[in-house]
Amino acid sequence: MAKIDVKKQLKHLYLPSKKQVVSVEVPPMHYLMVDGKGEPGSPQYAEAIEALYSVAYTIKFMIKKGVTDVDYGVLPLEGLWWAEDMDDFINDNKHNWQWTMMIMQPDWVDKALVEAAISQVKLKKDLAAIELVRFASFSEGSCAQILHVGPFSEEGPTVAKVHGFIESAGFTLSGKHHEIYLSDIRRAAPDNWKTVIRQPYKI
């Protein structure tokens, strides 16, 4: 059985250096997504994460047991963050934050497979957010990114570094603040949490 590490195949997108901001071109990719509003510690947020992982792992095992004979690691959780009034984002008014949490799906995952996986999850679990899971393409194009190591509460200087890189190049920020969570925060110490900080821009 072939074991595929999609994250390593896309190393330039998922495993950046922590030493310097770099520009990347992010192609259209397909994701499981759940949209929501409120702070990361809210019940709605936790329900969204549970639903995403339940569907993602169901898809993985359906593929592993199916005719494709492929095994792969589930991709990391990602989040798009914004607020209708960006002052709420800057001033840390988390109750007004909006988000889309998502898990990227490899090329061999299609809509029919996702729908079958969601149906399986519904039979096995009563998840509050399962009806909110959607499968969609998302494209960012030109982005700047860097790896942040440490607690989420200390991301500010790293985010500022990414924004400064974009602005110093004469470009304009566009799109939504994007984070990719490489660490299992249940097991790793906060000082060791690894998060990709990504920001799209316009030339």
Protein backbone atom coordinates (compact mmCIF):
# COMPACT_ATOMS: atom_id res chain seq x y z
CA MET A 1 0.00 0.00 0.00
CA ALA A 2 1.36 3.41 -0.96
CA LYS A 3 1.86 5.80 1.98
CA ILE A 4 1.71 9.41 0.80
CA ASP A 5 2.78 12.44 2.82
CA VAL A 6 0.88 15.26 1.11
CA LYS A 7 2.27 17.84 3.51
CA LYS A 8 5.84 16.99 2.44
CA GLN A 9 4.83 17.05 -1.21
CA LEU A 10 3.61 20.60 -0.59
CA LYS A 11 6.52 21.51 1.67
CA HIS A 12 6.77 25.05 0.29
CA LEU A 13 3.19 25.70 1.46
CA TYR A 14 3.00 23.71 4.68
CA LEU A 15 6.53 23.63 6.08
CA PRO A 16 8.01 27.13 5.70
CA SER A 17 11.07 28.50 7.48
CA LYS A 18 10.70 30.42 10.72
CA LYS A 19 13.69 32.60 9.82
CA GLN A 20 12.26 34.73 7.04
CA VAL A 21 9.05 35.67 5.27
CA VAL A 22 8.74 34.19 1.78
CA SER A 23 6.38 34.65 -1.15
CA VAL A 24 4.44 31.63 -2.39
CA GLU A 25 1.86 31.00 -5.08
CA VAL A 26 -1.00 29.00 -3.61
CA PRO A 27 -2.97 27.11 -6.28
CA PRO A 28 -6.67 26.30 -6.01
CA MET A 29 -7.17 23.42 -3.60
CA HIS A 30 -10.20 21.64 -2.16
CA TYR A 31 -11.10 21.78 1.50
CA LEU A 32 -13.60 20.57 4.03
CA MET A 33 -14.91 23.81 5.57
CA VAL A 34 -17.09 25.06 8.41
CA ASP A 35 -17.94 28.75 8.83
CA GLY A 36 -18.60 30.36 12.19
CA LYS A 37 -18.31 33.37 14.46
CA GLY A 38 -16.88 33.95 17.92
CA GLU A 39 -13.74 33.26 19.89
CA PRO A 40 -11.64 30.12 19.37
CA GLY A 41 -12.65 28.74 22.76
CA SER A 42 -16.37 28.84 22.07
CA PRO A 43 -18.57 25.70 21.90
CA GLN A 44 -19.40 26.51 18.27
CA TYR A 45 -15.69 26.48 17.40
CA ALA A 46 -15.11 23.17 19.17
CA GLU A 47 -18.10 21.62 17.41
CA ALA A 48 -16.78 22.78 14.04
CA ILE A 49 -13.38 21.20 14.68
CA GLU A 50 -14.93 17.91 15.80
CA ALA A 51 -17.09 17.72 12.67
CA LEU A 52 -14.17 18.52 10.34
CA TYR A 53 -11.86 15.90 11.81
CA SER A 54 -14.60 13.27 11.93
CA VAL A 55 -15.27 13.69 8.20
CA ALA A 56 -11.56 13.99 7.30
CA TYR A 57 -10.63 10.74 9.05
CA THR A 58 -13.67 8.94 7.66
CA ILE A 59 -12.55 9.92 4.15
CA LYS A 60 -9.02 8.73 4.89
CA PHE A 61 -10.19 5.28 6.01
CA MET A 62 -12.69 4.96 3.18
CA ILE A 63 -9.85 5.53 0.71
CA LYS A 64 -7.47 3.22 2.57
CA LYS A 65 -10.02 0.39 2.47
CA GLY A 66 -11.18 1.14 -1.07
CA VAL A 67 -9.94 0.29 -4.53
CA THR A 68 -7.34 3.08 -4.60
CA ASP A 69 -5.09 1.27 -2.09
CA VAL A 70 -3.65 4.59 -0.91
CA ASP A 71 -2.85 5.66 2.63
CA TYR A 72 -2.10 9.25 3.59
CA GLY A 73 -1.91 11.50 6.61
CA VAL A 74 -4.83 13.83 7.27
CA LEU A 75 -3.72 17.39 6.56
CA PRO A 76 -3.49 19.95 9.39
CA LEU A 77 -6.31 22.17 10.55
CA GLU A 78 -6.33 25.62 8.93
CA GLY A 79 -8.24 28.78 9.72
CA LEU A 80 -9.24 31.96 7.91
CA TRP A 81 -9.90 34.81 10.35
CA TRP A 82 -11.47 38.24 9.88
CA ALA A 83 -14.07 40.68 11.26
CA GLU A 84 -16.61 42.92 9.56
CA ASP A 85 -15.08 45.79 11.52
CA MET A 86 -11.34 45.09 11.42
CA ASP A 87 -10.92 47.18 14.59
CA ASP A 88 -12.50 44.21 16.39
CA PHE A 89 -9.72 42.04 15.03
CA ILE A 90 -6.98 44.48 15.94
CA ASN A 91 -8.43 45.17 19.40
CA ASP A 92 -8.88 41.48 20.18
CA ASN A 93 -12.68 41.60 20.41
CA LYS A 94 -12.87 37.86 19.85
CA HIS A 95 -16.66 37.62 20.18
CA ASN A 96 -16.94 39.49 16.85
CA TRP A 97 -14.33 37.43 15.04
CA GLN A 98 -15.47 35.43 12.03
CA TRP A 99 -13.76 32.32 10.82
CA THR A 100 -13.69 29.48 8.37
CA MET A 101 -11.99 26.38 9.72
CA MET A 102 -10.85 23.90 7.11
CA ILE A 103 -8.83 20.80 6.26
CA MET A 104 -7.31 20.48 2.79
CA GLN A 105 -8.20 17.34 0.82
CA PRO A 106 -5.87 15.56 -1.63
CA ASP A 107 -6.66 15.49 -5.35
CA TRP A 108 -8.18 12.01 -5.18
CA VAL A 109 -11.00 13.21 -2.88
CA ASP A 110 -14.15 14.32 -4.72
CA LYS A 111 -17.61 15.57 -3.83
CA ALA A 112 -19.21 12.13 -3.96
CA LEU A 113 -16.65 10.73 -1.52
CA VAL A 114 -17.16 13.66 0.86
CA GLU A 115 -20.92 13.22 0.78
CA ALA A 116 -20.55 9.49 1.48
CA ALA A 117 -18.22 10.22 4.39
CA ILE A 118 -20.61 12.77 5.89
CA SER A 119 -23.42 10.21 5.66
CA GLN A 120 -21.26 7.67 7.50
CA VAL A 121 -20.43 10.15 10.25
CA LYS A 122 -24.11 10.97 10.71
CA LEU A 123 -24.88 7.29 11.25
CA LYS A 124 -22.20 6.91 13.91
CA LYS A 125 -22.21 10.25 15.74
CA ASP A 126 -24.60 13.02 16.69
CA LEU A 127 -22.45 16.05 15.87
CA ALA A 128 -23.89 19.53 16.20
CA ALA A 129 -21.91 20.96 13.28
CA ILE A 130 -22.03 18.07 10.81
CA GLU A 131 -24.67 19.82 8.67
CA LEU A 132 -22.32 22.81 8.35
CA VAL A 133 -19.47 20.86 6.75
CA ARG A 134 -19.02 21.77 3.11
CA PHE A 135 -16.56 20.78 0.38
CA ALA A 136 -15.28 23.67 -1.70
CA SER A 137 -12.39 24.95 -3.77
CA PHE A 138 -10.38 27.84 -2.36
CA SER A 139 -7.70 29.84 -4.14
CA GLU A 140 -5.36 32.42 -2.62
CA GLY A 141 -2.79 33.10 -5.31
CA SER A 142 0.11 35.33 -4.24
CA CYS A 143 0.80 35.12 -0.50
CA ALA A 144 3.51 35.89 2.03
CA GLN A 145 4.09 33.44 4.85
CA ILE A 146 6.38 32.41 7.69
CA LEU A 147 6.40 29.85 10.50
CA HIS A 148 5.50 31.15 13.96
CA VAL A 149 6.75 29.11 16.91
CA GLY A 150 5.07 29.81 20.25
CA PRO A 151 1.64 30.57 21.73
CA PHE A 152 -1.12 32.05 19.60
CA SER A 153 -1.17 35.05 21.95
CA GLU A 154 2.36 35.95 20.81
CA GLU A 155 1.65 35.94 17.07
CA GLY A 156 1.39 39.74 16.84
CA PRO A 157 5.04 40.49 15.92
CA THR A 158 5.07 37.61 13.43
CA VAL A 159 1.92 38.88 11.74
CA ALA A 160 3.39 42.39 11.65
CA LYS A 161 6.54 40.98 10.03
CA VAL A 162 4.48 39.36 7.27
CA HIS A 163 2.49 42.55 6.68
CA GLY A 164 5.69 44.60 6.65
CA PHE A 165 7.21 42.29 4.04
CA ILE A 166 4.21 42.80 1.77
CA GLU A 167 4.06 46.56 2.23
CA SER A 168 7.81 47.06 1.78
CA ALA A 169 7.54 45.28 -1.58
CA GLY A 170 4.91 47.82 -2.65
CA PHE A 171 2.06 45.34 -2.59
CA THR A 172 -1.37 45.54 -0.90
CA LEU A 173 -2.83 43.14 1.63
CA SER A 174 -5.89 41.28 0.37
CA GLY A 175 -7.99 38.34 1.43
CA LYS A 176 -8.13 36.92 4.93
CA HIS A 177 -5.59 36.22 7.62
CA HIS A 178 -4.72 32.53 7.24
CA GLU A 179 -3.24 30.21 9.85
CA ILE A 180 -2.18 26.57 9.50
CA TYR A 181 -1.86 24.67 12.78
CA LEU A 182 0.98 22.17 12.54
CA SER A 183 1.04 21.16 16.21
CA ASP A 184 -1.33 19.14 18.36
CA ILE A 185 -1.91 21.73 21.07
CA ARG A 186 -3.29 19.04 23.38
CA ARG A 187 0.15 17.46 23.60
CA ALA A 188 2.76 20.09 22.75
CA ALA A 189 3.81 22.85 25.14
CA PRO A 190 2.63 26.32 24.01
CA ASP A 191 6.23 27.48 23.51
CA ASN A 192 6.61 24.76 20.87
CA TRP A 193 3.37 25.31 18.95
CA LYS A 194 4.07 25.70 15.23
CA THR A 195 1.71 27.82 13.14
CA VAL A 196 2.07 28.94 9.53
CA ILE A 197 1.07 32.62 9.25
CA ARG A 198 -0.07 33.41 5.71
CA GLN A 199 -1.40 36.61 4.15
CA PRO A 200 -2.56 37.01 0.53
CA TYR A 201 -1.60 40.18 -1.31
CA LYS A 202 -2.26 42.06 -4.52
CA ILE A 203 0.55 43.25 -6.78
